[in-house]
PDB file of N, CA and C in Angstrom:
ATOM      1  N   MET A   1     110.624  99.257  23.715  1.00  0.00           N
ATOM      2  CA  MET A   1     111.491  98.098  23.836  1.00  0.00           C
ATOM      3  C   MET A   1     111.974  97.952  25.277  1.00  0.00           C
ATOM      4  N   ALA A   2     112.335  96.748  25.625  1.00  0.00           N
ATOM      5  CA  ALA A   2     112.835  96.434  26.958  1.00  0.00           C
ATOM      6  C   ALA A   2     114.334  96.147  26.876  1.00  0.00           C
ATOM      7  N   THR A   3     114.963  96.069  28.026  1.00  0.00           N
ATOM      8  CA  THR A   3     116.379  95.712  28.121  1.00  0.00           C
ATOM      9  C   THR A   3     116.512  94.492  29.026  1.00  0.00           C
ATOM     10  N   LEU A   4     117.710  93.980  29.132  1.00  0.00           N
ATOM     11  CA  LEU A   4     117.943  92.828  30.008  1.00  0.00           C
ATOM     12  C   LEU A   4     117.546  93.114  31.451  1.00  0.00           C
ATOM     13  N   LEU A   5     117.698  94.354  31.886  1.00  0.00           N
ATOM     14  CA  LEU A   5     117.361  94.666  33.272  1.00  0.00           C
ATOM     15  C   LEU A   5     115.855  94.638  33.524  1.00  0.00           C
ATOM     16  N   ASP A   6     115.050  94.682  32.470  1.00  0.00           N
ATOM     17  CA  ASP A   6     113.612  94.503  32.634  1.00  0.00           C
ATOM     18  C   ASP A   6     113.278  93.031  32.878  1.00  0.00           C
ATOM     19  N   TYR A   7     114.130  92.143  32.432  1.00  0.00           N
ATOM     20  CA  TYR A   7     113.936  90.706  32.591  1.00  0.00           C
ATOM     21  C   TYR A   7     114.694  90.154  33.791  1.00  0.00           C
ATOM     22  N   CYS A   8     115.849  90.748  34.104  1.00  0.00           N
ATOM     23  CA  CYS A   8     116.781  90.160  35.073  1.00  0.00           C
ATOM     24  C   CYS A   8     116.993  91.038  36.294  1.00  0.00           C
ATOM     25  N   SER A   9     117.104  90.391  37.438  1.00  0.00           N
ATOM     26  CA  SER A   9     117.467  91.103  38.658  1.00  0.00           C
ATOM     27  C   SER A   9     118.981  91.195  38.797  1.00  0.00           C
ATOM     28  N   LEU A  10     119.706  90.353  38.058  1.00  0.00           N
ATOM     29  CA  LEU A  10     121.164  90.379  38.098  1.00  0.00           C
ATOM     30  C   LEU A  10     121.714  90.024  36.721  1.00  0.00           C
ATOM     31  N   VAL A  11     122.588  90.871  36.211  1.00  0.00           N
ATOM     32  CA  VAL A  11     123.339  90.613  34.984  1.00  0.00           C
ATOM     33  C   VAL A  11     124.791  90.848  35.350  1.00  0.00           C
ATOM     34  N   ARG A  12     125.629  89.839  35.179  1.00  0.00           N
ATOM     35  CA  ARG A  12     127.036  90.021  35.553  1.00  0.00           C
ATOM     36  C   ARG A  12     127.934  89.178  34.664  1.00  0.00           C
ATOM     37  N   SER A  13     129.202  89.577  34.663  1.00  0.00           N
ATOM     38  CA  SER A  13     130.242  88.790  34.007  1.00  0.00           C
ATOM     39  C   SER A  13     131.388  88.654  34.991  1.00  0.00           C
ATOM     40  N   LYS A  14     132.151  87.599  34.811  1.00  0.00           N
ATOM     41  CA  LYS A  14     133.310  87.378  35.678  1.00  0.00           C
ATOM     42  C   LYS A  14     134.190  86.322  35.045  1.00  0.00           C
ATOM     43  N   ASN A  15     135.387  86.203  35.561  1.00  0.00           N
ATOM     44  CA  ASN A  15     136.287  85.155  35.098  1.00  0.00           C
ATOM     45  C   ASN A  15     135.837  83.812  35.652  1.00  0.00           C
ATOM     46  N   ALA A  16     136.032  82.805  34.843  1.00  0.00           N
ATOM     47  CA  ALA A  16     135.891  81.429  35.304  1.00  0.00           C
ATOM     48  C   ALA A  16     137.251  80.793  35.044  1.00  0.00           C
ATOM     49  N   GLY A  17     138.249  81.323  35.711  1.00  0.00           N
ATOM     50  CA  GLY A  17     139.631  80.943  35.458  1.00  0.00           C
ATOM     51  C   GLY A  17     140.273  81.956  34.525  1.00  0.00           C
ATOM     52  N   PRO A  18     141.562  81.828  34.252  1.00  0.00           N
ATOM     53  CA  PRO A  18     142.275  82.829  33.448  1.00  0.00           C
ATOM     54  C   PRO A  18     141.962  82.788  31.956  1.00  0.00           C
ATOM     55  N   PHE A  19     141.263  81.752  31.511  1.00  0.00           N
ATOM     56  CA  PHE A  19     141.022  81.594  30.076  1.00  0.00           C
ATOM     57  C   PHE A  19     139.555  81.703  29.674  1.00  0.00           C
ATOM     58  N   THR A  20     138.656  81.827  30.652  1.00  0.00           N
ATOM     59  CA  THR A  20     137.229  81.765  30.363  1.00  0.00           C
ATOM     60  C   THR A  20     136.465  82.905  31.039  1.00  0.00           C
ATOM     61  N   LEU A  21     135.523  83.482  30.283  1.00  0.00           N
ATOM     62  CA  LEU A  21     134.572  84.453  30.828  1.00  0.00           C
ATOM     63  C   LEU A  21     133.246  83.743  31.014  1.00  0.00           C
ATOM     64  N   THR A  22     132.524  84.124  32.050  1.00  0.00           N
ATOM     65  CA  THR A  22     131.182  83.592  32.234  1.00  0.00           C
ATOM     66  C   THR A  22     130.233  84.744  32.522  1.00  0.00           C
ATOM     67  N   PHE A  23     129.022  84.610  32.022  1.00  0.00           N
ATOM     68  CA  PHE A  23     127.978  85.612  32.182  1.00  0.00           C
ATOM     69  C   PHE A  23     126.803  84.952  32.872  1.00  0.00           C
ATOM     70  N   ASP A  24     126.193  85.665  33.812  1.00  0.00           N
ATOM     71  CA  ASP A  24     125.019  85.165  34.517  1.00  0.00           C
ATOM     72  C   ASP A  24     123.868  86.138  34.297  1.00  0.00           C
ATOM     73  N   PHE A  25     122.712  85.590  33.956  1.00  0.00           N
ATOM     74  CA  PHE A  25     121.492  86.362  33.769  1.00  0.00           C
ATOM     75  C   PHE A  25     120.445  85.724  34.672  1.00  0.00           C
ATOM     76  N   MET A  26     120.150  86.361  35.798  1.00  0.00           N
ATOM     77  CA  MET A  26     119.220  85.810  36.776  1.00  0.00           C
ATOM     78  C   MET A  26     117.914  86.598  36.697  1.00  0.00           C
ATOM     79  N   CYS A  27     116.862  85.908  36.345  1.00  0.00           N
ATOM     80  CA  CYS A  27     115.582  86.559  36.060  1.00  0.00           C
ATOM     81  C   CYS A  27     114.788  86.847  37.330  1.00  0.00           C
ATOM     82  N   HIS A  28     113.877  87.819  37.198  1.00  0.00           N
ATOM     83  CA  HIS A  28     113.035  88.233  38.324  1.00  0.00           C
ATOM     84  C   HIS A  28     112.131  87.100  38.810  1.00  0.00           C
ATOM     85  N   ASP A  29     111.559  86.361  37.877  1.00  0.00           N
ATOM     86  CA  ASP A  29     110.584  85.320  38.224  1.00  0.00           C
ATOM     87  C   ASP A  29     110.427  84.375  37.040  1.00  0.00           C
ATOM     88  N   ARG A  30     109.575  83.377  37.186  1.00  0.00           N
ATOM     89  CA  ARG A  30     109.370  82.375  36.139  1.00  0.00           C
ATOM     90  C   ARG A  30     108.873  83.021  34.843  1.00  0.00           C
ATOM     91  N   ARG A  31     107.996  83.996  34.952  1.00  0.00           N
ATOM     92  CA  ARG A  31     107.443  84.652  33.773  1.00  0.00           C
ATOM     93  C   ARG A  31     108.536  85.331  32.970  1.00  0.00           C
ATOM     94  N   THR A  32     109.419  86.077  33.636  1.00  0.00           N
ATOM     95  CA  THR A  32     110.475  86.774  32.904  1.00  0.00           C
ATOM     96  C   THR A  32     111.536  85.798  32.402  1.00  0.00           C
ATOM     97  N   TYR A  33     111.789  84.730  33.156  1.00  0.00           N
ATOM     98  CA  TYR A  33     112.732  83.709  32.680  1.00  0.00           C
ATOM     99  C   TYR A  33     112.212  83.081  31.387  1.00  0.00           C
ATOM    100  N   ASP A  34     110.965  82.634  31.405  1.00  0.00           N
ATOM    101  CA  ASP A  34     110.387  82.014  30.215  1.00  0.00           C
ATOM    102  C   ASP A  34     110.379  82.975  29.031  1.00  0.00           C
ATOM    103  N   ALA A  35     110.076  84.245  29.302  1.00  0.00           N
ATOM    104  CA  ALA A  35     110.046  85.242  28.228  1.00  0.00           C
ATOM    105  C   ALA A  35     111.449  85.484  27.672  1.00  0.00           C
ATOM    106  N   LEU A  36     112.454  85.583  28.542  1.00  0.00           N
ATOM    107  CA  LEU A  36     113.826  85.816  28.084  1.00  0.00           C
ATOM    108  C   LEU A  36     114.324  84.640  27.246  1.00  0.00           C
ATOM    109  N   VAL A  37     114.150  83.446  27.740  1.00  0.00           N
ATOM    110  CA  VAL A  37     114.580  82.268  26.991  1.00  0.00           C
ATOM    111  C   VAL A  37     113.814  82.196  25.667  1.00  0.00           C
ATOM    112  N   GLY A  38     112.553  82.559  25.703  1.00  0.00           N
ATOM    113  CA  GLY A  38     111.728  82.531  24.507  1.00  0.00           C
ATOM    114  C   GLY A  38     112.165  83.500  23.425  1.00  0.00           C
ATOM    115  N   THR A  39     112.834  84.596  23.795  1.00  0.00           N
ATOM    116  CA  THR A  39     113.315  85.537  22.778  1.00  0.00           C
ATOM    117  C   THR A  39     114.432  84.927  21.948  1.00  0.00           C
ATOM    118  N   GLY A  40     115.198  84.010  22.535  1.00  0.00           N
ATOM    119  CA  GLY A  40     116.321  83.395  21.835  1.00  0.00           C
ATOM    120  C   GLY A  40     117.498  84.326  21.619  1.00  0.00           C
ATOM    121  N   VAL A  41     117.482  85.492  22.246  1.00  0.00           N
ATOM    122  CA  VAL A  41     118.545  86.475  22.005  1.00  0.00           C
ATOM    123  C   VAL A  41     119.881  86.071  22.627  1.00  0.00           C
ATOM    124  N   LEU A  42     119.852  85.384  23.751  1.00  0.00           N
ATOM    125  CA  LEU A  42     121.102  84.981  24.409  1.00  0.00           C
ATOM    126  C   LEU A  42     121.588  83.679  23.785  1.00  0.00           C
ATOM    127  N   ASP A  43     122.157  83.800  22.596  1.00  0.00           N
ATOM    128  CA  ASP A  43     122.627  82.615  21.884  1.00  0.00           C
ATOM    129  C   ASP A  43     124.106  82.746  21.543  1.00  0.00           C
ATOM    130  N   ALA A  44     124.680  81.670  21.050  1.00  0.00           N
ATOM    131  CA  ALA A  44     126.109  81.648  20.729  1.00  0.00           C
ATOM    132  C   ALA A  44     126.470  82.692  19.673  1.00  0.00           C
ATOM    133  N   ALA A  45     125.580  82.946  18.728  1.00  0.00           N
ATOM    134  CA  ALA A  45     125.870  83.923  17.667  1.00  0.00           C
ATOM    135  C   ALA A  45     126.073  85.323  18.245  1.00  0.00           C
ATOM    136  N   LEU A  46     125.257  85.717  19.206  1.00  0.00           N
ATOM    137  CA  LEU A  46     125.393  87.035  19.827  1.00  0.00           C
ATOM    138  C   LEU A  46     126.757  87.176  20.500  1.00  0.00           C
ATOM    139  N   PHE A  47     127.124  86.214  21.320  1.00  0.00           N
ATOM    140  CA  PHE A  47     128.382  86.306  22.064  1.00  0.00           C
ATOM    141  C   PHE A  47     129.582  86.161  21.138  1.00  0.00           C
ATOM    142  N   SER A  48     129.450  85.377  20.103  1.00  0.00           N
ATOM    143  CA  SER A  48     130.504  85.251  19.107  1.00  0.00           C
ATOM    144  C   SER A  48     130.762  86.601  18.440  1.00  0.00           C
ATOM    145  N   ALA A  49     129.691  87.286  18.059  1.00  0.00           N
ATOM    146  CA  ALA A  49     129.827  88.591  17.398  1.00  0.00           C
ATOM    147  C   ALA A  49     130.394  89.649  18.342  1.00  0.00           C
ATOM    148  N   LEU A  50     129.923  89.676  19.588  1.00  0.00           N
ATOM    149  CA  LEU A  50     130.377  90.695  20.535  1.00  0.00           C
ATOM    150  C   LEU A  50     131.823  90.494  20.985  1.00  0.00           C
ATOM    151  N   PHE A  51     132.244  89.250  21.120  1.00  0.00           N
ATOM    152  CA  PHE A  51     133.546  88.982  21.713  1.00  0.00           C
ATOM    153  C   PHE A  51     134.540  88.337  20.755  1.00  0.00           C
ATOM    154  N   GLY A  52     134.177  88.247  19.482  1.00  0.00           N
ATOM    155  CA  GLY A  52     135.114  87.786  18.465  1.00  0.00           C
ATOM    156  C   GLY A  52     135.617  86.372  18.675  1.00  0.00           C
ATOM    157  N   THR A  53     134.740  85.490  19.079  1.00  0.00           N
ATOM    158  CA  THR A  53     135.125  84.099  19.281  1.00  0.00           C
ATOM    159  C   THR A  53     134.264  83.207  18.386  1.00  0.00           C
ATOM    160  N   ASP A  54     134.684  82.010  18.187  1.00  0.00           N
ATOM    161  CA  ASP A  54     133.949  81.057  17.364  1.00  0.00           C
ATOM    162  C   ASP A  54     132.669  80.634  18.091  1.00  0.00           C
ATOM    163  N   GLU A  55     131.557  80.568  17.368  1.00  0.00           N
ATOM    164  CA  GLU A  55     130.286  80.149  17.967  1.00  0.00           C
ATOM    165  C   GLU A  55     130.400  78.788  18.651  1.00  0.00           C
ATOM    166  N   ASP A  56     131.213  77.909  18.104  1.00  0.00           N
ATOM    167  CA  ASP A  56     131.363  76.571  18.682  1.00  0.00           C
ATOM    168  C   ASP A  56     132.028  76.603  20.055  1.00  0.00           C
ATOM    169  N   ASP A  57     132.684  77.717  20.394  1.00  0.00           N
ATOM    170  CA  ASP A  57     133.352  77.842  21.686  1.00  0.00           C
ATOM    171  C   ASP A  57     132.480  78.505  22.745  1.00  0.00           C
ATOM    172  N   VAL A  58     131.248  78.871  22.376  1.00  0.00           N
ATOM    173  CA  VAL A  58     130.330  79.533  23.308  1.00  0.00           C
ATOM    174  C   VAL A  58     129.358  78.495  23.857  1.00  0.00           C
ATOM    175  N   LEU A  59     129.261  78.429  25.166  1.00  0.00           N
ATOM    176  CA  LEU A  59     128.347  77.499  25.827  1.00  0.00           C
ATOM    177  C   LEU A  59     127.228  78.300  26.488  1.00  0.00           C
ATOM    178  N   VAL A  60     125.992  78.039  26.080  1.00  0.00           N
ATOM    179  CA  VAL A  60     124.817  78.686  26.671  1.00  0.00           C
ATOM    180  C   VAL A  60     124.027  77.607  27.395  1.00  0.00           C
ATOM    181  N   VAL A  61     123.791  77.820  28.694  1.00  0.00           N
ATOM    182  CA  VAL A  61     123.074  76.838  29.498  1.00  0.00           C
ATOM    183  C   VAL A  61     121.895  77.533  30.180  1.00  0.00           C
ATOM    184  N   ASN A  62     120.698  77.009  29.935  1.00  0.00           N
ATOM    185  CA  ASN A  62     119.500  77.507  30.613  1.00  0.00           C
ATOM    186  C   ASN A  62     119.295  76.695  31.886  1.00  0.00           C
ATOM    187  N   HIS A  63     119.041  77.398  32.974  1.00  0.00           N
ATOM    188  CA  HIS A  63     118.817  76.753  34.278  1.00  0.00           C
ATOM    189  C   HIS A  63     117.414  77.104  34.753  1.00  0.00           C
ATOM    190  N   PRO A  64     116.394  76.377  34.300  1.00  0.00           N
ATOM    191  CA  PRO A  64     115.028  76.749  34.665  1.00  0.00           C
ATOM    192  C   PRO A  64     114.759  76.730  36.168  1.00  0.00           C
ATOM    193  N   SER A  65     115.339  75.797  36.897  1.00  0.00           N
ATOM    194  CA  SER A  65     115.067  75.746  38.337  1.00  0.00           C
ATOM    195  C   SER A  65     115.684  76.940  39.075  1.00  0.00           C
ATOM    196  N   ALA A  66     116.725  77.527  38.520  1.00  0.00           N
ATOM    197  CA  ALA A  66     117.350  78.711  39.111  1.00  0.00           C
ATOM    198  C   ALA A  66     116.866  80.006  38.458  1.00  0.00           C
ATOM    199  N   LEU A  67     116.012  79.882  37.438  1.00  0.00           N
ATOM    200  CA  LEU A  67     115.523  81.047  36.681  1.00  0.00           C
ATOM    201  C   LEU A  67     116.694  81.853  36.138  1.00  0.00           C
ATOM    202  N   ALA A  68     117.688  81.155  35.601  1.00  0.00           N
ATOM    203  CA  ALA A  68     118.917  81.800  35.167  1.00  0.00           C
ATOM    204  C   ALA A  68     119.420  81.215  33.851  1.00  0.00           C
ATOM    205  N   VAL A  69     120.196  82.032  33.152  1.00  0.00           N
ATOM    206  CA  VAL A  69     120.906  81.608  31.952  1.00  0.00           C
ATOM    207  C   VAL A  69     122.378  81.895  32.203  1.00  0.00           C
ATOM    208  N   LYS A  70     123.232  80.932  31.887  1.00  0.00           N
ATOM    209  CA  LYS A  70     124.682  81.096  32.058  1.00  0.00           C
ATOM    210  C   LYS A  70     125.333  80.904  30.695  1.00  0.00           C
ATOM    211  N   VAL A  71     126.268  81.792  30.381  1.00  0.00           N
ATOM    212  CA  VAL A  71     126.995  81.728  29.114  1.00  0.00           C
ATOM    213  C   VAL A  71     128.480  81.754  29.434  1.00  0.00           C
ATOM    214  N   SER A  72     129.235  80.841  28.833  1.00  0.00           N
ATOM    215  CA  SER A  72     130.689  80.810  29.019  1.00  0.00           C
ATOM    216  C   SER A  72     131.367  80.818  27.666  1.00  0.00           C
ATOM    217  N   LEU A  73     132.513  81.497  27.599  1.00  0.00           N
ATOM    218  CA  LEU A  73     133.280  81.587  26.361  1.00  0.00           C
ATOM    219  C   LEU A  73     134.728  81.898  26.683  1.00  0.00           C
ATOM    220  N   PRO A  74     135.624  81.652  25.734  1.00  0.00           N
ATOM    221  CA  PRO A  74     137.032  81.979  25.972  1.00  0.00           C
ATOM    222  C   PRO A  74     137.223  83.490  26.132  1.00  0.00           C
ATOM    223  N   ARG A  75     138.086  83.869  27.057  1.00  0.00           N
ATOM    224  CA  ARG A  75     138.426  85.299  27.204  1.00  0.00           C
ATOM    225  C   ARG A  75     139.112  85.772  25.924  1.00  0.00           C
ATOM    226  N   PRO A  76     138.873  87.025  25.516  1.00  0.00           N
ATOM    227  CA  PRO A  76     139.548  87.548  24.324  1.00  0.00           C
ATOM    228  C   PRO A  76     141.075  87.512  24.447  1.00  0.00           C
ATOM    229  N   VAL A  77     141.584  87.790  25.649  1.00  0.00           N
ATOM    230  CA  VAL A  77     143.010  87.620  25.962  1.00  0.00           C
ATOM    231  C   VAL A  77     143.092  86.966  27.333  1.00  0.00           C
ATOM    232  N   VAL A  78     144.158  86.268  27.585  1.00  0.00           N
ATOM    233  CA  VAL A  78     144.343  85.586  28.864  1.00  0.00           C
ATOM    234  C   VAL A  78     144.401  86.611  29.990  1.00  0.00           C
ATOM    235  N   GLN A  79     143.793  86.275  31.107  1.00  0.00           N
ATOM    236  CA  GLN A  79     143.811  87.165  32.265  1.00  0.00           C
ATOM    237  C   GLN A  79     145.252  87.538  32.630  1.00  0.00           C
ATOM    238  N   GLY A  80     145.482  88.822  32.817  1.00  0.00           N
ATOM    239  CA  GLY A  80     146.795  89.305  33.207  1.00  0.00           C
ATOM    240  C   GLY A  80     147.713  89.649  32.051  1.00  0.00           C
ATOM    241  N   ASP A  81     147.323  89.320  30.833  1.00  0.00           N
ATOM    242  CA  ASP A  81     148.102  89.691  29.646  1.00  0.00           C
ATOM    243  C   ASP A  81     148.199  91.213  29.575  1.00  0.00           C
ATOM    244  N   LEU A  82     149.251  91.736  28.969  1.00  0.00           N
ATOM    245  CA  LEU A  82     149.405  93.190  28.858  1.00  0.00           C
ATOM    246  C   LEU A  82     148.230  93.847  28.136  1.00  0.00           C
ATOM    247  N   ARG A  83     147.550  93.110  27.267  1.00  0.00           N
ATOM    248  CA  ARG A  83     146.397  93.654  26.538  1.00  0.00           C
ATOM    249  C   ARG A  83     145.079  93.454  27.278  1.00  0.00           C
ATOM    250  N   ASP A  84     145.123  92.878  28.470  1.00  0.00           N
ATOM    251  CA  ASP A  84     143.908  92.609  29.240  1.00  0.00           C
ATOM    252  C   ASP A  84     143.396  93.897  29.870  1.00  0.00           C
ATOM    253  N   SER A  85     142.253  94.371  29.386  1.00  0.00           N
ATOM    254  CA  SER A  85     141.702  95.631  29.889  1.00  0.00           C
ATOM    255  C   SER A  85     140.714  95.426  31.036  1.00  0.00           C
ATOM    256  N   ASP A  86     140.405  94.198  31.379  1.00  0.00           N
ATOM    257  CA  ASP A  86     139.456  93.910  32.459  1.00  0.00           C
ATOM    258  C   ASP A  86     139.932  92.658  33.184  1.00  0.00           C
ATOM    259  N   HIS A  87     140.826  92.845  34.121  1.00  0.00           N
ATOM    260  CA  HIS A  87     141.504  91.742  34.804  1.00  0.00           C
ATOM    261  C   HIS A  87     140.531  90.720  35.407  1.00  0.00           C
ATOM    262  N   TYR A  88     139.411  91.192  35.951  1.00  0.00           N
ATOM    263  CA  TYR A  88     138.467  90.293  36.612  1.00  0.00           C
ATOM    264  C   TYR A  88     137.298  89.877  35.725  1.00  0.00           C
ATOM    265  N   GLY A  89     137.196  90.449  34.533  1.00  0.00           N
ATOM    266  CA  GLY A  89     136.087  90.130  33.636  1.00  0.00           C
ATOM    267  C   GLY A  89     134.761  90.723  34.079  1.00  0.00           C
ATOM    268  N   GLY A  90     134.798  91.592  35.067  1.00  0.00           N
ATOM    269  CA  GLY A  90     133.579  92.132  35.663  1.00  0.00           C
ATOM    270  C   GLY A  90     132.873  93.208  34.866  1.00  0.00           C
ATOM    271  N   GLN A  91     133.483  93.705  33.801  1.00  0.00           N
ATOM    272  CA  GLN A  91     132.847  94.763  32.999  1.00  0.00           C
ATOM    273  C   GLN A  91     132.404  94.271  31.625  1.00  0.00           C
ATOM    274  N   GLN A  92     132.581  93.010  31.347  1.00  0.00           N
ATOM    275  CA  GLN A  92     132.310  92.507  30.002  1.00  0.00           C
ATOM    276  C   GLN A  92     130.822  92.433  29.671  1.00  0.00           C
ATOM    277  N   TYR A  93     129.960  92.493  30.664  1.00  0.00           N
ATOM    278  CA  TYR A  93     128.520  92.448  30.425  1.00  0.00           C
ATOM    279  C   TYR A  93     127.965  93.762  29.895  1.00  0.00           C
ATOM    280  N   ALA A  94     128.708  94.855  30.022  1.00  0.00           N
ATOM    281  CA  ALA A  94     128.198  96.190  29.708  1.00  0.00           C
ATOM    282  C   ALA A  94     127.558  96.303  28.320  1.00  0.00           C
ATOM    283  N   PRO A  95     128.159  95.801  27.234  1.00  0.00           N
ATOM    284  CA  PRO A  95     127.504  95.943  25.925  1.00  0.00           C
ATOM    285  C   PRO A  95     126.147  95.242  25.841  1.00  0.00           C
ATOM    286  N   LEU A  96     125.936  94.257  26.669  1.00  0.00           N
ATOM    287  CA  LEU A  96     124.679  93.518  26.647  1.00  0.00           C
ATOM    288  C   LEU A  96     123.519  94.335  27.211  1.00  0.00           C
ATOM    289  N   LEU A  97     123.815  95.324  28.028  1.00  0.00           N
ATOM    290  CA  LEU A  97     122.753  96.126  28.632  1.00  0.00           C
ATOM    291  C   LEU A  97     122.031  96.993  27.609  1.00  0.00           C
ATOM    292  N   GLU A  98     122.630  97.199  26.444  1.00  0.00           N
ATOM    293  CA  GLU A  98     122.016  98.005  25.388  1.00  0.00           C
ATOM    294  C   GLU A  98     121.145  97.179  24.437  1.00  0.00           C
ATOM    295  N   LEU A  99     121.113  95.861  24.620  1.00  0.00           N
ATOM    296  CA  LEU A  99     120.299  95.015  23.749  1.00  0.00           C
ATOM    297  C   LEU A  99     118.838  95.421  23.840  1.00  0.00           C
ATOM    298  N   GLU A 100     118.184  95.494  22.698  1.00  0.00           N
ATOM    299  CA  GLU A 100     116.753  95.775  22.684  1.00  0.00           C
ATOM    300  C   GLU A 100     116.001  94.461  22.602  1.00  0.00           C
ATOM    301  N   LEU A 101     115.130  94.258  23.558  1.00  0.00           N
ATOM    302  CA  LEU A 101     114.333  93.040  23.661  1.00  0.00           C
ATOM    303  C   LEU A 101     112.862  93.404  23.591  1.00  0.00           C
ATOM    304  N   PRO A 102     112.017  92.419  23.274  1.00  0.00           N
ATOM    305  CA  PRO A 102     110.577  92.693  23.305  1.00  0.00           C
ATOM    306  C   PRO A 102     110.141  93.060  24.723  1.00  0.00           C
ATOM    307  N   GLU A 103     109.081  93.823  24.832  1.00  0.00           N
ATOM    308  CA  GLU A 103     108.545  94.147  26.153  1.00  0.00           C
ATOM    309  C   GLU A 103     108.234  92.861  26.903  1.00  0.00           C
ATOM    310  N   VAL A 104     108.432  92.891  28.195  1.00  0.00           N
ATOM    311  CA  VAL A 104     108.118  91.726  29.027  1.00  0.00           C
ATOM    312  C   VAL A 104     106.604  91.548  29.013  1.00  0.00           C
ATOM    313  N   PRO A 105     106.136  90.334  28.719  1.00  0.00           N
ATOM    314  CA  PRO A 105     104.685  90.118  28.712  1.00  0.00           C
ATOM    315  C   PRO A 105     104.067  90.410  30.073  1.00  0.00           C
ATOM    316  N   CYS A 106     102.878  90.936  30.052  1.00  0.00           N
ATOM    317  CA  CYS A 106     102.149  91.199  31.300  1.00  0.00           C
ATOM    318  C   CYS A 106     101.825  89.872  31.970  1.00  0.00           C
ATOM    319  N   PRO A 107     101.815  89.870  33.285  1.00  0.00           N
ATOM    320  CA  PRO A 107     101.479  88.621  33.956  1.00  0.00           C
ATOM    321  C   PRO A 107     100.021  88.251  33.707  1.00  0.00           C
ATOM    322  N   GLY A 108      99.809  86.975  33.538  1.00  0.00           N
ATOM    323  CA  GLY A 108      98.449  86.482  33.382  1.00  0.00           C
ATOM    324  C   GLY A 108      97.853  86.195  34.740  1.00  0.00           C
ATOM    325  N   PRO A 109      96.662  85.639  34.751  1.00  0.00           N
ATOM    326  CA  PRO A 109      96.063  85.287  36.039  1.00  0.00           C
ATOM    327  C   PRO A 109      96.886  84.208  36.729  1.00  0.00           C
ATOM    328  N   GLU A 110      96.860  84.230  38.020  1.00  0.00           N
ATOM    329  CA  GLU A 110      97.566  83.218  38.804  1.00  0.00           C
ATOM    330  C   GLU A 110      96.969  81.847  38.509  1.00  0.00           C
ATOM    331  N   PRO A 111      97.802  80.811  38.402  1.00  0.00           N
ATOM    332  CA  PRO A 111      97.251  79.471  38.175  1.00  0.00           C
ATOM    333  C   PRO A 111      96.414  79.022  39.360  1.00  0.00           C
ATOM    334  N   ARG A 112      95.395  78.299  39.064  1.00  0.00           N
ATOM    335  CA  ARG A 112      94.518  77.801  40.114  1.00  0.00           C
ATOM    336  C   ARG A 112      95.187  76.654  40.861  1.00  0.00           C
ATOM    337  N   THR A 113      94.929  76.566  42.129  1.00  0.00           N
ATOM    338  CA  THR A 113      95.470  75.463  42.920  1.00  0.00           C
ATOM    339  C   THR A 113      94.433  74.346  42.978  1.00  0.00           C
ATOM    340  N   LYS A 114      94.829  73.186  43.425  1.00  0.00           N
ATOM    341  CA  LYS A 114      93.921  72.039  43.489  1.00  0.00           C
ATOM    342  C   LYS A 114      92.779  72.273  44.485  1.00  0.00           C
ATOM    343  N   GLU A 115      93.023  73.132  45.469  1.00  0.00           N
ATOM    344  CA  GLU A 115      92.000  73.385  46.487  1.00  0.00           C
ATOM    345  C   GLU A 115      90.868  74.249  45.950  1.00  0.00           C
ATOM    346  N   GLU A 116      91.096  74.984  44.867  1.00  0.00           N
ATOM    347  CA  GLU A 116      90.072  75.897  44.345  1.00  0.00           C
ATOM    348  C   GLU A 116      89.015  75.170  43.551  1.00  0.00           C
TER     349      GLU A 116
END
């Protein structure tokens, strides 16, 4: 099995204001981006289950031109609250690193150019 780090060169979480967490998954290349999006694993149901929020409050946006997936959701507690264990939201991605994903497909032949 593969992990997110087999697909992504960067996996991070951070605050998007005091009420919102955002996650960025930046893929190595077009092949890994297409494969990651194709797994369907980065969906609202996953983040809802991990962070105890309503699926309707989770926004998943695929950015094909940036080879990235961005996910935003309400913070479990407001930034700075006495129960806030991660003031900057920078450690919230950690449980995602244990996700088991299908192996990254091997690269196929390079596409032919018009000159060939």
